[in-house]
Amino acid sequence: MASTLGPTGFWILTALAGGRRHGYNILREVDAASSGRAAMKVTTLYAALERLEREGLIRADGEEVVGGRARRYFAIEDAGGAALEAEIAALEHQARVARERLRAAGRPAMQPGFGRAALA
């Protein structure tokens, strides 16, 4: 079961699952939710937002000017929620299979959230 969203799409949809957000707020949400393991640059964020919007997973949800700066807001679509649910199921399956293989080899599996590899 290969990932269809990739880490960037996964974390953006996860942030938007909590409600409408503007770009900078998405960056902060992703950083906090991933414990800094999925931090992304602004250019990466907006390229991913454009892709997710083209795919019908999110929608632009208004704009406002705050302190002289424009904020573009985004919201998750039903298709985005479904894609996120599918991704969660795929990740849970992958983790379950990996844990079973480790146990079968006599190796204890790491506790969730305590892995050494960081997401890029």
C-alpha atoms as a PDB file:
ATOM      1  CA  MET A   1       0.000   0.000   0.000  1.00  0.00           C
ATOM      2  CA  ALA A   2       1.911   2.987  -1.240  1.00  0.00           C
ATOM      3  CA  SER A   3       1.294   6.447   0.107  1.00  0.00           C
ATOM      4  CA  THR A   4      -0.854   8.543  -2.184  1.00  0.00           C
ATOM      5  CA  LEU A   5      -0.624  11.854  -0.363  1.00  0.00           C
ATOM      6  CA  GLY A   6       3.001  11.844   0.684  1.00  0.00           C
ATOM      7  CA  PRO A   7       4.085  13.424   3.957  1.00  0.00           C
ATOM      8  CA  THR A   8       3.434  16.998   2.821  1.00  0.00           C
ATOM      9  CA  GLY A   9      -0.119  16.325   1.657  1.00  0.00           C
ATOM     10  CA  PHE A  10      -0.825  14.191   4.716  1.00  0.00           C
ATOM     11  CA  TRP A  11       0.234  16.905   7.157  1.00  0.00           C
ATOM     12  CA  ILE A  12      -1.539  19.705   5.278  1.00  0.00           C
ATOM     13  CA  LEU A  13      -4.804  17.756   5.244  1.00  0.00           C
ATOM     14  CA  THR A  14      -4.292  16.912   8.907  1.00  0.00           C
ATOM     15  CA  ALA A  15      -3.939  20.619   9.721  1.00  0.00           C
ATOM     16  CA  LEU A  16      -7.012  21.504   7.651  1.00  0.00           C
ATOM     17  CA  ALA A  17      -9.050  18.699   9.255  1.00  0.00           C
ATOM     18  CA  GLY A  18      -9.048  20.951  12.318  1.00  0.00           C
ATOM     19  CA  GLY A  19     -10.724  23.769  10.389  1.00  0.00           C
ATOM     20  CA  ARG A  20     -10.091  26.588   7.942  1.00  0.00           C
ATOM     21  CA  ARG A  21      -6.487  27.860   8.037  1.00  0.00           C
ATOM     22  CA  HIS A  22      -4.268  30.390   6.275  1.00  0.00           C
ATOM     23  CA  GLY A  23      -0.835  29.465   4.942  1.00  0.00           C
ATOM     24  CA  TYR A  24       1.301  30.534   7.882  1.00  0.00           C
ATOM     25  CA  ASN A  25      -1.103  28.886  10.306  1.00  0.00           C
ATOM     26  CA  ILE A  26      -0.861  25.635   8.319  1.00  0.00           C
ATOM     27  CA  LEU A  27       2.933  25.783   8.621  1.00  0.00           C
ATOM     28  CA  ARG A  28       2.685  26.229  12.407  1.00  0.00           C
ATOM     29  CA  GLU A  29       0.085  23.452  12.750  1.00  0.00           C
ATOM     30  CA  VAL A  30       2.199  21.011  10.727  1.00  0.00           C
ATOM     31  CA  ASP A  31       5.310  21.825  12.711  1.00  0.00           C
ATOM     32  CA  ALA A  32       3.513  21.385  16.039  1.00  0.00           C
ATOM     33  CA  ALA A  33       1.544  18.249  15.095  1.00  0.00           C
ATOM     34  CA  SER A  34       4.625  16.517  13.667  1.00  0.00           C
ATOM     35  CA  SER A  35       6.882  17.630  16.550  1.00  0.00           C
ATOM     36  CA  GLY A  36       9.013  19.485  14.007  1.00  0.00           C
ATOM     37  CA  ARG A  37       9.636  16.374  11.898  1.00  0.00           C
ATOM     38  CA  ALA A  38       7.639  17.603   8.896  1.00  0.00           C
ATOM     39  CA  ALA A  39       8.554  21.289   8.831  1.00  0.00           C
ATOM     40  CA  MET A  40       8.262  22.688   5.323  1.00  0.00           C
ATOM     41  CA  LYS A  41       9.229  25.820   3.463  1.00  0.00           C
ATOM     42  CA  VAL A  42       6.667  28.323   2.241  1.00  0.00           C
ATOM     43  CA  THR A  43       7.341  27.430  -1.398  1.00  0.00           C
ATOM     44  CA  THR A  44       6.759  23.733  -0.653  1.00  0.00           C
ATOM     45  CA  LEU A  45       3.539  24.564   1.184  1.00  0.00           C
ATOM     46  CA  TYR A  46       2.037  26.652  -1.607  1.00  0.00           C
ATOM     47  CA  ALA A  47       3.030  24.176  -4.323  1.00  0.00           C
ATOM     48  CA  ALA A  48       1.346  21.412  -2.308  1.00  0.00           C
ATOM     49  CA  LEU A  49      -1.736  23.565  -1.645  1.00  0.00           C
ATOM     50  CA  GLU A  50      -2.095  24.218  -5.386  1.00  0.00           C
ATOM     51  CA  ARG A  51      -1.769  20.485  -6.120  1.00  0.00           C
ATOM     52  CA  LEU A  52      -4.296  19.516  -3.424  1.00  0.00           C
ATOM     53  CA  GLU A  53      -6.707  22.154  -4.727  1.00  0.00           C
ATOM     54  CA  ARG A  54      -6.326  20.904  -8.327  1.00  0.00           C
ATOM     55  CA  GLU A  55      -7.063  17.380  -7.064  1.00  0.00           C
ATOM     56  CA  GLY A  56     -10.260  18.597  -5.364  1.00  0.00           C
ATOM     57  CA  LEU A  57      -9.039  17.726  -1.858  1.00  0.00           C
ATOM     58  CA  ILE A  58      -9.052  21.312  -0.555  1.00  0.00           C
ATOM     59  CA  ARG A  59     -10.523  24.625  -1.649  1.00  0.00           C
ATOM     60  CA  ALA A  60      -9.494  28.244  -1.375  1.00  0.00           C
ATOM     61  CA  ASP A  61     -11.711  29.738   1.313  1.00  0.00           C
ATOM     62  CA  GLY A  62     -11.242  33.471   1.193  1.00  0.00           C
ATOM     63  CA  GLU A  63      -8.603  36.079   1.710  1.00  0.00           C
ATOM     64  CA  GLU A  64      -8.104  38.954   4.126  1.00  0.00           C
ATOM     65  CA  VAL A  65      -5.493  41.612   4.732  1.00  0.00           C
ATOM     66  CA  VAL A  66      -3.991  41.688   8.219  1.00  0.00           C
ATOM     67  CA  GLY A  67      -1.268  44.189   9.033  1.00  0.00           C
ATOM     68  CA  GLY A  68      -0.859  45.002   5.353  1.00  0.00           C
ATOM     69  CA  ARG A  69      -0.298  41.361   4.410  1.00  0.00           C
ATOM     70  CA  ALA A  70      -2.727  39.184   2.493  1.00  0.00           C
ATOM     71  CA  ARG A  71      -3.750  35.898   4.083  1.00  0.00           C
ATOM     72  CA  ARG A  72      -5.138  33.179   1.842  1.00  0.00           C
ATOM     73  CA  TYR A  73      -7.361  30.686   3.623  1.00  0.00           C
ATOM     74  CA  PHE A  74      -7.936  27.047   2.732  1.00  0.00           C
ATOM     75  CA  ALA A  75     -10.458  24.439   3.849  1.00  0.00           C
ATOM     76  CA  ILE A  76     -10.605  20.682   3.426  1.00  0.00           C
ATOM     77  CA  GLU A  77     -13.191  19.211   1.033  1.00  0.00           C
ATOM     78  CA  ASP A  78     -15.104  15.976   1.659  1.00  0.00           C
ATOM     79  CA  ALA A  79     -12.780  14.271  -0.823  1.00  0.00           C
ATOM     80  CA  GLY A  80      -9.819  15.522   1.216  1.00  0.00           C
ATOM     81  CA  GLY A  81     -11.269  14.042   4.395  1.00  0.00           C
ATOM     82  CA  ALA A  82     -11.802  10.740   2.610  1.00  0.00           C
ATOM     83  CA  ALA A  83      -8.243  10.806   1.240  1.00  0.00           C
ATOM     84  CA  LEU A  84      -6.898  11.518   4.727  1.00  0.00           C
ATOM     85  CA  GLU A  85      -8.924   8.623   6.189  1.00  0.00           C
ATOM     86  CA  ALA A  86      -7.577   6.309   3.460  1.00  0.00           C
ATOM     87  CA  GLU A  87      -4.025   7.459   4.160  1.00  0.00           C
ATOM     88  CA  ILE A  88      -4.473   6.860   7.896  1.00  0.00           C
ATOM     89  CA  ALA A  89      -5.730   3.327   7.184  1.00  0.00           C
ATOM     90  CA  ALA A  90      -2.756   2.650   4.892  1.00  0.00           C
ATOM     91  CA  LEU A  91      -0.272   3.943   7.476  1.00  0.00           C
ATOM     92  CA  GLU A  92      -1.900   1.881  10.236  1.00  0.00           C
ATOM     93  CA  HIS A  93      -1.695  -1.223   8.026  1.00  0.00           C
ATOM     94  CA  GLN A  94       1.983  -0.581   7.273  1.00  0.00           C
ATOM     95  CA  ALA A  95       2.770  -0.117  10.973  1.00  0.00           C
ATOM     96  CA  ARG A  96       0.858  -3.281  11.916  1.00  0.00           C
ATOM     97  CA  VAL A  97       2.708  -5.388   9.337  1.00  0.00           C
ATOM     98  CA  ALA A  98       6.086  -3.966  10.392  1.00  0.00           C
ATOM     99  CA  ARG A  99       5.375  -4.651  14.096  1.00  0.00           C
ATOM    100  CA  GLU A 100       4.294  -8.215  13.294  1.00  0.00           C
ATOM    101  CA  ARG A 101       7.507  -8.810  11.331  1.00  0.00           C
ATOM    102  CA  LEU A 102       9.653  -7.417  14.134  1.00  0.00           C
ATOM    103  CA  ARG A 103       7.906  -9.595  16.715  1.00  0.00           C
ATOM    104  CA  ALA A 104       8.247 -12.671  14.484  1.00  0.00           C
ATOM    105  CA  ALA A 105      11.995 -11.985  14.273  1.00  0.00           C
ATOM    106  CA  GLY A 106      12.192 -11.688  18.060  1.00  0.00           C
ATOM    107  CA  ARG A 107      12.777  -7.942  18.016  1.00  0.00           C
ATOM    108  CA  PRO A 108      10.593  -5.611  20.047  1.00  0.00           C
ATOM    109  CA  ALA A 109       8.872  -2.909  18.016  1.00  0.00           C
ATOM    110  CA  MET A 110       9.492   0.754  18.888  1.00  0.00           C
ATOM    111  CA  GLN A 111       6.683   2.544  20.678  1.00  0.00           C
ATOM    112  CA  PRO A 112       4.724   4.932  18.412  1.00  0.00           C
ATOM    113  CA  GLY A 113       6.298   8.377  18.280  1.00  0.00           C
ATOM    114  CA  PHE A 114       9.730   7.241  19.425  1.00  0.00           C
ATOM    115  CA  GLY A 115      11.337   6.358  16.074  1.00  0.00           C
ATOM    116  CA  ARG A 116      14.693   7.770  15.088  1.00  0.00           C
ATOM    117  CA  ALA A 117      13.936   8.553  11.459  1.00  0.00           C
ATOM    118  CA  ALA A 118      12.582  12.020  10.733  1.00  0.00           C
ATOM    119  CA  LEU A 119      10.191  12.883   7.915  1.00  0.00           C
ATOM    120  CA  ALA A 120      11.622  15.111   5.229  1.00  0.00           C
END
